[in-house]
Every structure is written in C-alpha cells, then in structure tokens.
Protein backbone atom coordinates (compact mmCIF):
# COMPACT_ATOMS: atom_id res chain seq x y z
CA MET A 1 168.81 121.17 7.90
CA SER A 2 172.09 120.45 6.04
CA ARG A 3 171.60 116.67 6.54
CA ILE A 4 168.05 116.99 4.86
CA LEU A 5 169.75 119.03 1.95
CA ALA A 6 172.50 116.48 1.66
CA ALA A 7 170.17 113.56 1.42
CA ALA A 8 168.10 115.42 -1.16
CA CYS A 9 171.07 116.13 -3.33
CA THR A 10 172.35 112.47 -2.99
CA ALA A 11 168.61 111.11 -3.96
CA ALA A 12 168.65 113.62 -6.91
CA ALA A 13 172.06 112.46 -8.02
CA LEU A 14 171.00 108.75 -7.90
CA LEU A 15 167.83 109.58 -9.79
CA LEU A 16 169.44 111.44 -12.41
CA SER A 17 172.22 108.95 -12.78
CA SER A 18 169.99 105.89 -13.10
CA ASN A 19 167.87 107.93 -15.84
CA ALA A 20 171.24 108.39 -17.75
CA PHE A 21 171.80 104.46 -17.59
CA ALA A 22 168.11 103.89 -18.75
CA GLN A 23 168.83 105.84 -21.84
CA GLU A 24 171.92 103.55 -22.80
CA GLY A 25 170.88 101.62 -25.77
CA ASP A 26 171.19 97.84 -26.62
CA ALA A 27 172.61 97.36 -30.04
CA ALA A 28 171.21 93.71 -30.17
CA ALA A 29 167.67 95.00 -29.51
CA GLY A 30 168.45 98.03 -31.82
CA GLU A 31 169.12 95.44 -34.52
CA THR A 32 165.54 94.22 -34.21
CA VAL A 33 164.13 97.84 -34.29
CA PHE A 34 166.32 98.66 -37.08
CA LYS A 35 164.28 96.31 -39.31
CA LYS A 36 161.81 99.07 -39.86
CA CYS A 37 164.31 101.24 -41.08
CA SER A 38 166.23 98.58 -43.18
CA VAL A 39 163.86 98.73 -45.99
CA CYS A 40 165.21 102.14 -47.01
CA HIS A 41 168.66 102.16 -45.09
CA ASN A 42 171.63 99.79 -45.06
CA VAL A 43 174.52 99.88 -42.01
CA VAL A 44 176.64 97.13 -43.12
CA ASP A 45 178.33 98.96 -46.14
CA ALA A 46 178.30 102.14 -47.88
CA LYS A 47 175.67 101.13 -50.50
CA HIS A 48 172.49 103.36 -50.54
CA LYS A 49 169.01 102.18 -50.76
CA VAL A 50 165.88 104.57 -51.20
CA GLY A 51 167.59 106.27 -48.15
CA PRO A 52 171.40 106.77 -47.60
CA SER A 53 173.76 104.25 -46.06
CA LEU A 54 173.97 104.67 -42.35
CA GLN A 55 177.09 103.03 -41.77
CA GLY A 56 179.55 105.44 -40.20
CA VAL A 57 176.53 108.01 -39.50
CA ILE A 58 177.59 108.73 -36.02
CA GLY A 59 179.71 111.84 -36.02
CA ARG A 60 178.81 112.39 -39.81
CA GLN A 61 177.40 115.73 -40.88
CA PRO A 62 173.70 115.35 -41.88
CA GLY A 63 173.06 115.68 -45.60
CA ILE A 64 176.62 114.67 -47.05
CA ALA A 65 176.80 110.88 -47.54
CA GLU A 66 178.76 110.62 -50.89
CA GLY A 67 176.76 109.42 -53.81
CA PHE A 68 173.29 110.08 -52.13
CA LYS A 69 171.03 113.10 -53.43
CA TYR A 70 169.43 114.49 -50.39
CA SER A 71 166.51 117.12 -50.20
CA LYS A 72 167.54 120.56 -49.95
CA ALA A 73 165.79 120.62 -46.28
CA MET A 74 168.28 117.90 -45.06
CA VAL A 75 171.23 119.62 -46.70
CA ASP A 76 170.20 122.96 -45.19
CA PHE A 77 169.72 121.21 -41.63
CA GLY A 78 173.03 119.64 -41.73
CA ALA A 79 175.17 122.74 -42.07
CA GLY A 80 177.44 122.83 -39.08
CA LYS A 81 175.89 119.87 -37.40
CA VAL A 82 176.84 116.07 -36.79
CA TRP A 83 174.80 113.14 -36.11
CA ASP A 84 175.13 112.59 -32.19
CA ASP A 85 172.99 111.00 -29.46
CA ALA A 86 170.98 114.12 -29.13
CA GLN A 87 170.41 115.00 -33.00
CA LEU A 88 169.65 111.28 -33.42
CA THR A 89 167.42 111.04 -30.60
CA ALA A 90 165.28 114.14 -31.79
CA TYR A 91 165.34 113.26 -35.42
CA LEU A 92 164.23 109.70 -34.84
CA ALA A 93 161.40 110.51 -32.72
CA ASN A 94 160.07 113.10 -35.29
CA PRO A 95 161.90 113.33 -38.63
CA ARG A 96 159.45 115.52 -40.30
CA GLY A 97 159.39 117.88 -37.18
CA VAL A 98 162.99 118.18 -36.96
CA VAL A 99 163.90 118.48 -40.71
CA LYS A 100 160.71 120.16 -42.36
CA GLY A 101 160.85 119.30 -46.11
CA THR A 102 162.70 116.13 -45.44
CA ARG A 103 161.89 113.28 -48.22
CA MET A 104 161.99 110.61 -45.41
CA ALA A 105 158.46 109.26 -45.14
CA PHE A 106 158.95 107.33 -41.84
CA ALA A 107 157.02 108.91 -39.23
CA GLY A 108 159.48 108.01 -36.28
CA LEU A 109 160.09 106.10 -33.39
CA LYS A 110 157.71 106.62 -30.40
CA GLU A 111 159.61 104.74 -27.55
CA PRO A 112 162.65 106.24 -26.16
CA LYS A 113 164.23 102.82 -25.40
CA ASP A 114 163.74 101.88 -29.11
CA ILE A 115 165.55 105.12 -30.14
CA ALA A 116 168.21 104.38 -27.67
CA ASP A 117 168.57 100.98 -28.95
CA VAL A 118 168.74 101.92 -32.75
CA ILE A 119 171.44 104.57 -31.91
CA ALA A 120 173.52 101.79 -29.99
CA TYR A 121 173.15 99.75 -33.30
CA LEU A 122 174.27 102.44 -35.43
CA LYS A 123 177.29 103.10 -32.99
CA ALA A 124 178.26 99.40 -33.63
CA HIS A 125 178.47 100.11 -37.33
CA PRO A 126 181.26 102.78 -37.74
CA ALA A 127 182.80 103.79 -41.02
CA PRO A 128 185.36 101.59 -42.13
C-alpha cells in the first residue's frame, strides 16, 4: 500500500512540476503577442501612449505610472497590490472583469500560453 501511495505522490509531483514549466513564458513569443498591446502601450521607455508605458510594470503598483491619468477604478484596484505573475495573468485574461470600470477597451488574451509569453516579455523590459 505504501508503494502505491509513494508512486501516486511521485506522479502527482511530476504532473504539477510539468504544469509549472508549461506556464513559463517565452519573451520572444511574447514580443509577437505584445503587438496587439503596442497600439496603446509601450515597453521600451517611459513614454505613454493611449495607455501607460509598461516598461518596469513587473513589481509596480497598478495605477501609479508617473504622468499617466488612470481611471478611478484602476487607482482603487491598485491600492496595496503590485503587478506580479498572478495579478497580470488574471488581468490579461479579463481586464474588465478584474478591474470593473477600467478604461482599457481590450477584451483580453484567451490563451494561457500567450499570457505567459507576454508576461515574460514584460519581464524583459524592467525599469531603467
């Protein structure tokens, strides 16, 4: 019985670790996906477009990029939070569902791989 339990635990651990690796994004692929975002957002410098610059967004509090006027909904949402993998994953999948009242018109990315790739691409563009 203990061998069966040990084998089941090992199989579960392998399955969970392979799922974790599947969620690792590819920054090069993320650059391609980010083209959908680049109409409104920039990552190469701090210049804002219709949306805020996303350079250095990882670890930044939502709704505070200097020089950008955010919606009240985004400012309220950002209180006490930072953009990390979990926050970005939820937001990129459904921006208006996560931040009700956001001005962002984009409906979201539907493919988990695309989301992971965009996050990897954002990570490749830290604040200077």
